[in-house]
Amino acid sequence: QGYGLTETSPVISVNEPSSNDPGSVGRAIQGVEVRIGKDEEL
């Protein structure tokens, strides 16, 4: 599973075969930073 938006072309994060948690959307791909902002917004 992965996660993204059209506004981010679209992939933000994705799971890896060797570290695959189906309950998550994995970690950010190369060059992408993520943080939790105000009101818990990603």
PDB file of all heavy atoms in Angstrom:
ATOM      1  N   GLN A   1       0.837  -1.194   0.000  1.00  0.00           N
ATOM      2  CA  GLN A   1       0.000   0.000   0.000  1.00  0.00           C
ATOM      3  C   GLN A   1       0.869   1.240   0.000  1.00  0.00           C
ATOM      4  O   GLN A   1       1.958   1.259   0.563  1.00  0.00           O
ATOM      5  CB  GLN A   1      -0.907   0.021   1.229  1.00  0.00           C
ATOM      6  CG  GLN A   1      -2.083  -0.924   1.153  1.00  0.00           C
ATOM      7  CD  GLN A   1      -3.181  -0.504   2.109  1.00  0.00           C
ATOM      8  OE1 GLN A   1      -3.970   0.388   1.810  1.00  0.00           O
ATOM      9  NE2 GLN A   1      -3.238  -1.164   3.254  1.00  0.00           N
ATOM     10  N   GLY A   2       0.373   2.280  -0.638  1.00  0.00           N
ATOM     11  CA  GLY A   2       1.062   3.558  -0.643  1.00  0.00           C
ATOM     12  C   GLY A   2       0.077   4.680  -0.382  1.00  0.00           C
ATOM     13  O   GLY A   2      -1.124   4.454  -0.227  1.00  0.00           O
ATOM     14  N   TYR A   3       0.610   5.891  -0.354  1.00  0.00           N
ATOM     15  CA  TYR A   3      -0.224   7.063  -0.080  1.00  0.00           C
ATOM     16  C   TYR A   3       0.287   8.237  -0.906  1.00  0.00           C
ATOM     17  O   TYR A   3       1.499   8.376  -1.120  1.00  0.00           O
ATOM     18  CB  TYR A   3      -0.168   7.395   1.414  1.00  0.00           C
ATOM     19  CG  TYR A   3      -0.674   8.773   1.775  1.00  0.00           C
ATOM     20  CD1 TYR A   3      -2.036   9.076   1.734  1.00  0.00           C
ATOM     21  CD2 TYR A   3       0.215   9.775   2.143  1.00  0.00           C
ATOM     22  CE1 TYR A   3      -2.495  10.348   2.061  1.00  0.00           C
ATOM     23  CE2 TYR A   3      -0.242  11.057   2.478  1.00  0.00           C
ATOM     24  CZ  TYR A   3      -1.593  11.329   2.430  1.00  0.00           C
ATOM     25  OH  TYR A   3      -2.051  12.587   2.740  1.00  0.00           O
ATOM     26  N   GLY A   4      -0.630   9.058  -1.368  1.00  0.00           N
ATOM     27  CA  GLY A   4      -0.226  10.236  -2.109  1.00  0.00           C
ATOM     28  C   GLY A   4      -1.423  11.066  -2.532  1.00  0.00           C
ATOM     29  O   GLY A   4      -2.575  10.741  -2.227  1.00  0.00           O
ATOM     30  N   LEU A   5      -1.132  12.135  -3.238  1.00  0.00           N
ATOM     31  CA  LEU A   5      -2.155  13.060  -3.722  1.00  0.00           C
ATOM     32  C   LEU A   5      -1.803  13.451  -5.160  1.00  0.00           C
ATOM     33  O   LEU A   5      -0.624  13.422  -5.539  1.00  0.00           O
ATOM     34  CB  LEU A   5      -2.176  14.344  -2.885  1.00  0.00           C
ATOM     35  CG  LEU A   5      -2.264  14.248  -1.367  1.00  0.00           C
ATOM     36  CD1 LEU A   5      -1.956  15.610  -0.759  1.00  0.00           C
ATOM     37  CD2 LEU A   5      -3.647  13.786  -0.953  1.00  0.00           C
ATOM     38  N   THR A   6      -2.792  13.836  -5.916  1.00  0.00           N
ATOM     39  CA  THR A   6      -2.507  14.369  -7.246  1.00  0.00           C
ATOM     40  C   THR A   6      -1.523  15.527  -7.110  1.00  0.00           C
ATOM     41  O   THR A   6      -0.607  15.686  -7.928  1.00  0.00           O
ATOM     42  CB  THR A   6      -3.809  14.857  -7.924  1.00  0.00           C
ATOM     43  OG1 THR A   6      -4.725  13.766  -8.013  1.00  0.00           O
ATOM     44  CG2 THR A   6      -3.545  15.399  -9.315  1.00  0.00           C
ATOM     45  N   GLU A   7      -1.686  16.310  -6.046  1.00  0.00           N
ATOM     46  CA  GLU A   7      -0.836  17.484  -5.819  1.00  0.00           C
ATOM     47  C   GLU A   7       0.622  17.134  -5.525  1.00  0.00           C
ATOM     48  O   GLU A   7       1.483  18.023  -5.511  1.00  0.00           O
ATOM     49  CB  GLU A   7      -1.397  18.316  -4.651  1.00  0.00           C
ATOM     50  CG  GLU A   7      -2.660  19.073  -4.964  1.00  0.00           C
ATOM     51  CD  GLU A   7      -3.954  18.269  -4.791  1.00  0.00           C
ATOM     52  OE1 GLU A   7      -3.875  17.021  -4.707  1.00  0.00           O
ATOM     53  OE2 GLU A   7      -5.034  18.879  -4.748  1.00  0.00           O
ATOM     54  N   THR A   8       0.906  15.837  -5.276  1.00  0.00           N
ATOM     55  CA  THR A   8       2.297  15.427  -5.015  1.00  0.00           C
ATOM     56  C   THR A   8       2.785  14.430  -6.069  1.00  0.00           C
ATOM     57  O   THR A   8       3.723  13.683  -5.844  1.00  0.00           O
ATOM     58  CB  THR A   8       2.435  14.815  -3.607  1.00  0.00           C
ATOM     59  OG1 THR A   8       1.517  13.730  -3.453  1.00  0.00           O
ATOM     60  CG2 THR A   8       2.177  15.855  -2.532  1.00  0.00           C
ATOM     61  N   SER A   9       2.144  14.391  -7.183  1.00  0.00           N
ATOM     62  CA  SER A   9       2.588  13.700  -8.426  1.00  0.00           C
ATOM     63  C   SER A   9       2.593  12.172  -8.507  1.00  0.00           C
ATOM     64  O   SER A   9       3.264  11.653  -9.387  1.00  0.00           O
ATOM     65  CB  SER A   9       4.004  14.189  -8.791  1.00  0.00           C
ATOM     66  OG  SER A   9       4.046  15.567  -8.901  1.00  0.00           O
ATOM     67  N   PRO A  10       1.952  11.316  -7.827  1.00  0.00           N
ATOM     68  CA  PRO A  10       1.174  11.532  -6.614  1.00  0.00           C
ATOM     69  C   PRO A  10       1.808  10.905  -5.375  1.00  0.00           C
ATOM     70  O   PRO A  10       1.329  11.111  -4.275  1.00  0.00           O
ATOM     71  CB  PRO A  10      -0.118  10.787  -6.945  1.00  0.00           C
ATOM     72  CG  PRO A  10       0.372   9.572  -7.681  1.00  0.00           C
ATOM     73  CD  PRO A  10       1.626  10.017  -8.427  1.00  0.00           C
ATOM     74  N   VAL A  11       2.874  10.092  -5.529  1.00  0.00           N
ATOM     75  CA  VAL A  11       3.321   9.249  -4.412  1.00  0.00           C
ATOM     76  C   VAL A  11       4.068  10.052  -3.347  1.00  0.00           C
ATOM     77  O   VAL A  11       5.001  10.800  -3.655  1.00  0.00           O
ATOM     78  CB  VAL A  11       4.230   8.093  -4.912  1.00  0.00           C
ATOM     79  CG1 VAL A  11       4.580   7.152  -3.760  1.00  0.00           C
ATOM     80  CG2 VAL A  11       3.550   7.323  -6.046  1.00  0.00           C
ATOM     81  N   ILE A  12       3.641   9.878  -2.104  1.00  0.00           N
ATOM     82  CA  ILE A  12       4.328  10.441  -0.947  1.00  0.00           C
ATOM     83  C   ILE A  12       5.089   9.334  -0.224  1.00  0.00           C
ATOM     84  O   ILE A  12       6.255   9.480   0.120  1.00  0.00           O
ATOM     85  CB  ILE A  12       3.329  11.122   0.017  1.00  0.00           C
ATOM     86  CG1 ILE A  12       2.730  12.373  -0.634  1.00  0.00           C
ATOM     87  CG2 ILE A  12       3.991  11.451   1.355  1.00  0.00           C
ATOM     88  CD1 ILE A  12       1.574  12.984   0.132  1.00  0.00           C
ATOM     89  N   SER A  13       4.416   8.203  -0.033  1.00  0.00           N
ATOM     90  CA  SER A  13       5.036   7.090   0.687  1.00  0.00           C
ATOM     91  C   SER A  13       4.532   5.762   0.134  1.00  0.00           C
ATOM     92  O   SER A  13       3.486   5.704  -0.515  1.00  0.00           O
ATOM     93  CB  SER A  13       4.715   7.172   2.182  1.00  0.00           C
ATOM     94  OG  SER A  13       3.319   6.985   2.395  1.00  0.00           O
ATOM     95  N   VAL A  14       5.294   4.707   0.427  1.00  0.00           N
ATOM     96  CA  VAL A  14       4.895   3.368   0.003  1.00  0.00           C
ATOM     97  C   VAL A  14       5.617   2.345   0.883  1.00  0.00           C
ATOM     98  O   VAL A  14       6.693   2.627   1.409  1.00  0.00           O
ATOM     99  CB  VAL A  14       5.212   3.137  -1.504  1.00  0.00           C
ATOM    100  CG1 VAL A  14       6.702   3.065  -1.755  1.00  0.00           C
ATOM    101  CG2 VAL A  14       4.510   1.906  -2.039  1.00  0.00           C
ATOM    102  N   ASN A  15       5.000   1.197   1.072  1.00  0.00           N
ATOM    103  CA  ASN A  15       5.644   0.119   1.812  1.00  0.00           C
ATOM    104  C   ASN A  15       6.706  -0.546   0.949  1.00  0.00           C
ATOM    105  O   ASN A  15       6.671  -0.463  -0.288  1.00  0.00           O
ATOM    106  CB  ASN A  15       4.612  -0.935   2.233  1.00  0.00           C
ATOM    107  CG  ASN A  15       3.939  -0.582   3.547  1.00  0.00           C
ATOM    108  OD1 ASN A  15       4.541  -0.696   4.612  1.00  0.00           O
ATOM    109  ND2 ASN A  15       2.687  -0.140   3.475  1.00  0.00           N
ATOM    110  N   GLU A  16       7.635  -1.219   1.575  1.00  0.00           N
ATOM    111  CA  GLU A  16       8.662  -1.993   0.878  1.00  0.00           C
ATOM    112  C   GLU A  16       8.386  -3.473   1.087  1.00  0.00           C
ATOM    113  O   GLU A  16       7.857  -3.860   2.141  1.00  0.00           O
ATOM    114  CB  GLU A  16      10.046  -1.667   1.429  1.00  0.00           C
ATOM    115  CG  GLU A  16      10.456  -0.231   1.256  1.00  0.00           C
ATOM    116  CD  GLU A  16      11.754   0.064   1.980  1.00  0.00           C
ATOM    117  OE1 GLU A  16      12.820  -0.293   1.447  1.00  0.00           O
ATOM    118  OE2 GLU A  16      11.703   0.642   3.076  1.00  0.00           O
ATOM    119  N   PRO A  17       8.739  -4.328   0.138  1.00  0.00           N
ATOM    120  CA  PRO A  17       8.504  -5.772   0.306  1.00  0.00           C
ATOM    121  C   PRO A  17       9.127  -6.341   1.582  1.00  0.00           C
ATOM    122  O   PRO A  17       8.528  -7.198   2.234  1.00  0.00           O
ATOM    123  CB  PRO A  17       9.160  -6.379  -0.939  1.00  0.00           C
ATOM    124  CG  PRO A  17       9.076  -5.300  -1.961  1.00  0.00           C
ATOM    125  CD  PRO A  17       9.285  -4.024  -1.198  1.00  0.00           C
ATOM    126  N   SER A  18      10.301  -5.841   1.953  1.00  0.00           N
ATOM    127  CA  SER A  18      10.989  -6.384   3.136  1.00  0.00           C
ATOM    128  C   SER A  18      10.495  -5.782   4.447  1.00  0.00           C
ATOM    129  O   SER A  18      10.841  -6.257   5.519  1.00  0.00           O
ATOM    130  CB  SER A  18      12.497  -6.130   3.005  1.00  0.00           C
ATOM    131  OG  SER A  18      12.753  -4.741   2.914  1.00  0.00           O
ATOM    132  N   SER A  19       9.696  -4.730   4.352  1.00  0.00           N
ATOM    133  CA  SER A  19       9.145  -4.086   5.549  1.00  0.00           C
ATOM    134  C   SER A  19       7.733  -3.623   5.234  1.00  0.00           C
ATOM    135  O   SER A  19       7.449  -2.439   5.108  1.00  0.00           O
ATOM    136  CB  SER A  19      10.031  -2.898   5.952  1.00  0.00           C
ATOM    137  OG  SER A  19       9.523  -2.265   7.092  1.00  0.00           O
ATOM    138  N   ASN A  20       6.846  -4.596   5.104  1.00  0.00           N
ATOM    139  CA  ASN A  20       5.498  -4.347   4.609  1.00  0.00           C
ATOM    140  C   ASN A  20       4.476  -4.452   5.737  1.00  0.00           C
ATOM    141  O   ASN A  20       4.205  -5.548   6.242  1.00  0.00           O
ATOM    142  CB  ASN A  20       5.179  -5.355   3.495  1.00  0.00           C
ATOM    143  CG  ASN A  20       3.813  -5.111   2.875  1.00  0.00           C
ATOM    144  OD1 ASN A  20       3.200  -4.056   3.066  1.00  0.00           O
ATOM    145  ND2 ASN A  20       3.333  -6.086   2.125  1.00  0.00           N
ATOM    146  N   ASP A  21       3.929  -3.326   6.112  1.00  0.00           N
ATOM    147  CA  ASP A  21       2.871  -3.301   7.129  1.00  0.00           C
ATOM    148  C   ASP A  21       1.568  -2.918   6.438  1.00  0.00           C
ATOM    149  O   ASP A  21       1.359  -1.746   6.099  1.00  0.00           O
ATOM    150  CB  ASP A  21       3.217  -2.295   8.225  1.00  0.00           C
ATOM    151  CG  ASP A  21       2.129  -2.198   9.296  1.00  0.00           C
ATOM    152  OD1 ASP A  21       1.131  -2.943   9.197  1.00  0.00           O
ATOM    153  OD2 ASP A  21       2.282  -1.379  10.222  1.00  0.00           O
ATOM    154  N   PRO A  22       0.671  -3.885   6.200  1.00  0.00           N
ATOM    155  CA  PRO A  22      -0.570  -3.603   5.472  1.00  0.00           C
ATOM    156  C   PRO A  22      -1.480  -2.586   6.168  1.00  0.00           C
ATOM    157  O   PRO A  22      -2.393  -2.047   5.553  1.00  0.00           O
ATOM    158  CB  PRO A  22      -1.263  -4.977   5.395  1.00  0.00           C
ATOM    159  CG  PRO A  22      -0.169  -5.959   5.642  1.00  0.00           C
ATOM    160  CD  PRO A  22       0.795  -5.302   6.565  1.00  0.00           C
ATOM    161  N   GLY A  23      -1.211  -2.325   7.455  1.00  0.00           N
ATOM    162  CA  GLY A  23      -2.000  -1.333   8.181  1.00  0.00           C
ATOM    163  C   GLY A  23      -1.419   0.063   8.076  1.00  0.00           C
ATOM    164  O   GLY A  23      -1.912   1.001   8.694  1.00  0.00           O
ATOM    165  N   SER A  24      -0.361   0.218   7.267  1.00  0.00           N
ATOM    166  CA  SER A  24       0.280   1.521   7.114  1.00  0.00           C
ATOM    167  C   SER A  24       0.454   1.838   5.633  1.00  0.00           C
ATOM    168  O   SER A  24       0.152   1.012   4.776  1.00  0.00           O
ATOM    169  CB  SER A  24       1.659   1.510   7.794  1.00  0.00           C
ATOM    170  OG  SER A  24       2.625   0.928   6.935  1.00  0.00           O
ATOM    171  N   VAL A  25       0.974   3.032   5.372  1.00  0.00           N
ATOM    172  CA  VAL A  25       1.248   3.426   3.985  1.00  0.00           C
ATOM    173  C   VAL A  25       2.751   3.531   3.745  1.00  0.00           C
ATOM    174  O   VAL A  25       3.202   4.141   2.778  1.00  0.00           O
ATOM    175  CB  VAL A  25       0.545   4.756   3.617  1.00  0.00           C
ATOM    176  CG1 VAL A  25      -0.959   4.565   3.569  1.00  0.00           C
ATOM    177  CG2 VAL A  25       0.926   5.870   4.594  1.00  0.00           C
ATOM    178  N   GLY A  26       3.541   2.913   4.637  1.00  0.00           N
ATOM    179  CA  GLY A  26       4.985   2.846   4.434  1.00  0.00           C
ATOM    180  C   GLY A  26       5.693   4.128   4.811  1.00  0.00           C
ATOM    181  O   GLY A  26       5.181   4.961   5.551  1.00  0.00           O
ATOM    182  N   ARG A  27       6.900   4.275   4.268  1.00  0.00           N
ATOM    183  CA  ARG A  27       7.686   5.474   4.571  1.00  0.00           C
ATOM    184  C   ARG A  27       7.829   6.343   3.325  1.00  0.00           C
ATOM    185  O   ARG A  27       7.610   5.887   2.197  1.00  0.00           O
ATOM    186  CB  ARG A  27       9.053   5.093   5.139  1.00  0.00           C
ATOM    187  CG  ARG A  27       9.958   4.316   4.217  1.00  0.00           C
ATOM    188  CD  ARG A  27      11.245   3.925   4.933  1.00  0.00           C
ATOM    189  NE  ARG A  27      12.133   3.149   4.062  1.00  0.00           N
ATOM    190  CZ  ARG A  27      13.046   3.684   3.261  1.00  0.00           C
ATOM    191  NH1 ARG A  27      13.194   4.990   3.213  1.00  0.00           N
ATOM    192  NH2 ARG A  27      13.813   2.913   2.500  1.00  0.00           N
ATOM    193  N   ALA A  28       8.204   7.584   3.551  1.00  0.00           N
ATOM    194  CA  ALA A  28       8.306   8.558   2.464  1.00  0.00           C
ATOM    195  C   ALA A  28       9.351   8.135   1.445  1.00  0.00           C
ATOM    196  O   ALA A  28      10.397   7.594   1.801  1.00  0.00           O
ATOM    197  CB  ALA A  28       8.647   9.931   3.031  1.00  0.00           C
ATOM    198  N   ILE A  29       9.046   8.378   0.180  1.00  0.00           N
ATOM    199  CA  ILE A  29       9.995   8.025  -0.884  1.00  0.00           C
ATOM    200  C   ILE A  29      11.160   9.014  -0.895  1.00  0.00           C
ATOM    201  O   ILE A  29      11.130  10.056  -0.229  1.00  0.00           O
ATOM    202  CB  ILE A  29       9.312   7.975  -2.269  1.00  0.00           C
ATOM    203  CG1 ILE A  29       8.812   9.367  -2.694  1.00  0.00           C
ATOM    204  CG2 ILE A  29       8.206   6.953  -2.298  1.00  0.00           C
ATOM    205  CD1 ILE A  29       8.373   9.455  -4.140  1.00  0.00           C
ATOM    206  N   GLN A  30      12.172   8.690  -1.679  1.00  0.00           N
ATOM    207  CA  GLN A  30      13.402   9.479  -1.762  1.00  0.00           C
ATOM    208  C   GLN A  30      13.124  10.954  -2.044  1.00  0.00           C
ATOM    209  O   GLN A  30      12.397  11.300  -2.968  1.00  0.00           O
ATOM    210  CB  GLN A  30      14.265   8.897  -2.882  1.00  0.00           C
ATOM    211  CG  GLN A  30      15.576   9.613  -3.122  1.00  0.00           C
ATOM    212  CD  GLN A  30      16.359   8.958  -4.253  1.00  0.00           C
ATOM    213  OE1 GLN A  30      16.728   7.797  -4.172  1.00  0.00           O
ATOM    214  NE2 GLN A  30      16.578   9.688  -5.328  1.00  0.00           N
ATOM    215  N   GLY A  31      13.719  11.820  -1.223  1.00  0.00           N
ATOM    216  CA  GLY A  31      13.612  13.255  -1.439  1.00  0.00           C
ATOM    217  C   GLY A  31      12.393  13.906  -0.825  1.00  0.00           C
ATOM    218  O   GLY A  31      12.244  15.133  -0.871  1.00  0.00           O
ATOM    219  N   VAL A  32      11.491  13.106  -0.233  1.00  0.00           N
ATOM    220  CA  VAL A  32      10.245  13.645   0.325  1.00  0.00           C
ATOM    221  C   VAL A  32      10.341  13.723   1.844  1.00  0.00           C
ATOM    222  O   VAL A  32      10.708  12.755   2.509  1.00  0.00           O
ATOM    223  CB  VAL A  32       9.035  12.776  -0.092  1.00  0.00           C
ATOM    224  CG1 VAL A  32       7.771  13.237   0.613  1.00  0.00           C
ATOM    225  CG2 VAL A  32       8.845  12.826  -1.607  1.00  0.00           C
ATOM    226  N   GLU A  33      10.006  14.893   2.376  1.00  0.00           N
ATOM    227  CA  GLU A  33       9.950  15.082   3.833  1.00  0.00           C
ATOM    228  C   GLU A  33       8.491  15.149   4.259  1.00  0.00           C
ATOM    229  O   GLU A  33       7.650  15.707   3.539  1.00  0.00           O
ATOM    230  CB  GLU A  33      10.629  16.391   4.239  1.00  0.00           C
ATOM    231  CG  GLU A  33      12.105  16.503   3.929  1.00  0.00           C
ATOM    232  CD  GLU A  33      12.629  17.880   4.288  1.00  0.00           C
ATOM    233  OE1 GLU A  33      12.731  18.180   5.507  1.00  0.00           O
ATOM    234  OE2 GLU A  33      12.905  18.658   3.371  1.00  0.00           O
ATOM    235  N   VAL A  34       8.195  14.591   5.420  1.00  0.00           N
ATOM    236  CA  VAL A  34       6.834  14.671   5.972  1.00  0.00           C
ATOM    237  C   VAL A  34       6.917  15.132   7.422  1.00  0.00           C
ATOM    238  O   VAL A  34       7.899  14.865   8.114  1.00  0.00           O
ATOM    239  CB  VAL A  34       6.091  13.315   5.895  1.00  0.00           C
ATOM    240  CG1 VAL A  34       5.799  12.937   4.464  1.00  0.00           C
ATOM    241  CG2 VAL A  34       6.873  12.213   6.583  1.00  0.00           C
ATOM    242  N   ARG A  35       5.890  15.824   7.855  1.00  0.00           N
ATOM    243  CA  ARG A  35       5.804  16.250   9.257  1.00  0.00           C
ATOM    244  C   ARG A  35       4.344  16.421   9.639  1.00  0.00           C
ATOM    245  O   ARG A  35       3.470  16.534   8.771  1.00  0.00           O
ATOM    246  CB  ARG A  35       6.582  17.550   9.479  1.00  0.00           C
ATOM    247  CG  ARG A  35       5.906  18.779   8.890  1.00  0.00           C
ATOM    248  CD  ARG A  35       6.715  20.047   9.135  1.00  0.00           C
ATOM    249  NE  ARG A  35       5.966  21.231   8.695  1.00  0.00           N
ATOM    250  CZ  ARG A  35       6.460  22.460   8.678  1.00  0.00           C
ATOM    251  NH1 ARG A  35       7.726  22.671   9.057  1.00  0.00           N
ATOM    252  NH2 ARG A  35       5.712  23.487   8.277  1.00  0.00           N
ATOM    253  N   ILE A  36       4.093  16.443  10.932  1.00  0.00           N
ATOM    254  CA  ILE A  36       2.740  16.692  11.443  1.00  0.00           C
ATOM    255  C   ILE A  36       2.660  18.160  11.826  1.00  0.00           C
ATOM    256  O   ILE A  36       3.429  18.651  12.655  1.00  0.00           O
ATOM    257  CB  ILE A  36       2.418  15.801  12.663  1.00  0.00           C
ATOM    258  CG1 ILE A  36       2.589  14.323  12.313  1.00  0.00           C
ATOM    259  CG2 ILE A  36       1.007  16.090  13.168  1.00  0.00           C
ATOM    260  CD1 ILE A  36       1.649  13.824  11.237  1.00  0.00           C
ATOM    261  N   GLY A  37       1.743  18.882  11.209  1.00  0.00           N
ATOM    262  CA  GLY A  37       1.590  20.306  11.466  1.00  0.00           C
ATOM    263  C   GLY A  37       0.494  20.591  12.467  1.00  0.00           C
ATOM    264  O   GLY A  37       0.115  19.730  13.278  1.00  0.00           O
ATOM    265  N   LYS A  38      -0.041  21.786  12.372  1.00  0.00           N
ATOM    266  CA  LYS A  38      -1.135  22.170  13.279  1.00  0.00           C
ATOM    267  C   LYS A  38      -2.363  21.310  13.026  1.00  0.00           C
ATOM    268  O   LYS A  38      -2.621  20.885  11.896  1.00  0.00           O
ATOM    269  CB  LYS A  38      -1.485  23.644  13.063  1.00  0.00           C
ATOM    270  CG  LYS A  38      -0.457  24.601  13.696  1.00  0.00           C
ATOM    271  CD  LYS A  38      -0.976  26.029  13.717  1.00  0.00           C
ATOM    272  CE  LYS A  38      -0.928  26.643  12.332  1.00  0.00           C
ATOM    273  NZ  LYS A  38      -1.304  28.083  12.364  1.00  0.00           N
ATOM    274  N   ASP A  39      -3.128  21.070  14.084  1.00  0.00           N
ATOM    275  CA  ASP A  39      -4.354  20.260  13.999  1.00  0.00           C
ATOM    276  C   ASP A  39      -4.081  18.858  13.475  1.00  0.00           C
ATOM    277  O   ASP A  39      -4.938  18.250  12.815  1.00  0.00           O
ATOM    278  CB  ASP A  39      -5.404  20.948  13.119  1.00  0.00           C
ATOM    279  CG  ASP A  39      -5.761  22.344  13.615  1.00  0.00           C
ATOM    280  OD1 ASP A  39      -5.884  22.506  14.850  1.00  0.00           O
ATOM    281  OD2 ASP A  39      -5.900  23.246  12.782  1.00  0.00           O
ATOM    282  N   GLU A  40      -2.860  18.350  13.748  1.00  0.00           N
ATOM    283  CA  GLU A  40      -2.490  16.977  13.377  1.00  0.00           C
ATOM    284  C   GLU A  40      -2.515  16.732  11.869  1.00  0.00           C
ATOM    285  O   GLU A  40      -2.665  15.604  11.413  1.00  0.00           O
ATOM    286  CB  GLU A  40      -3.426  15.955  14.078  1.00  0.00           C
ATOM    287  CG  GLU A  40      -3.400  15.992  15.585  1.00  0.00           C
ATOM    288  CD  GLU A  40      -2.041  15.576  16.152  1.00  0.00           C
ATOM    289  OE1 GLU A  40      -1.640  14.444  15.928  1.00  0.00           O
ATOM    290  OE2 GLU A  40      -1.392  16.424  16.812  1.00  0.00           O
ATOM    291  N   GLU A  41      -2.381  17.789  11.087  1.00  0.00           N
ATOM    292  CA  GLU A  41      -2.412  17.641   9.627  1.00  0.00           C
ATOM    293  C   GLU A  41      -1.042  17.215   9.105  1.00  0.00           C
ATOM    294  O   GLU A  41      -0.008  17.712   9.531  1.00  0.00           O
ATOM    295  CB  GLU A  41      -2.809  18.963   8.969  1.00  0.00           C
ATOM    296  CG  GLU A  41      -2.918  18.872   7.444  1.00  0.00           C
ATOM    297  CD  GLU A  41      -3.238  20.209   6.796  1.00  0.00           C
ATOM    298  OE1 GLU A  41      -3.001  21.254   7.431  1.00  0.00           O
ATOM    299  OE2 GLU A  41      -3.701  20.201   5.634  1.00  0.00           O
ATOM    300  N   LEU A  42      -1.071  16.265   8.155  1.00  0.00           N
ATOM    301  CA  LEU A  42       0.164  15.822   7.523  1.00  0.00           C
ATOM    302  C   LEU A  42       0.601  16.859   6.493  1.00  0.00           C
ATOM    303  O   LEU A  42      -0.182  17.259   5.635  1.00  0.00           O
ATOM    304  CB  LEU A  42      -0.038  14.463   6.851  1.00  0.00           C
ATOM    305  CG  LEU A  42       1.203  13.852   6.180  1.00  0.00           C
ATOM    306  CD1 LEU A  42       2.226  13.433   7.234  1.00  0.00           C
ATOM    307  CD2 LEU A  42       0.817  12.659   5.324  1.00  0.00           C
TER     308      LEU A  42
END
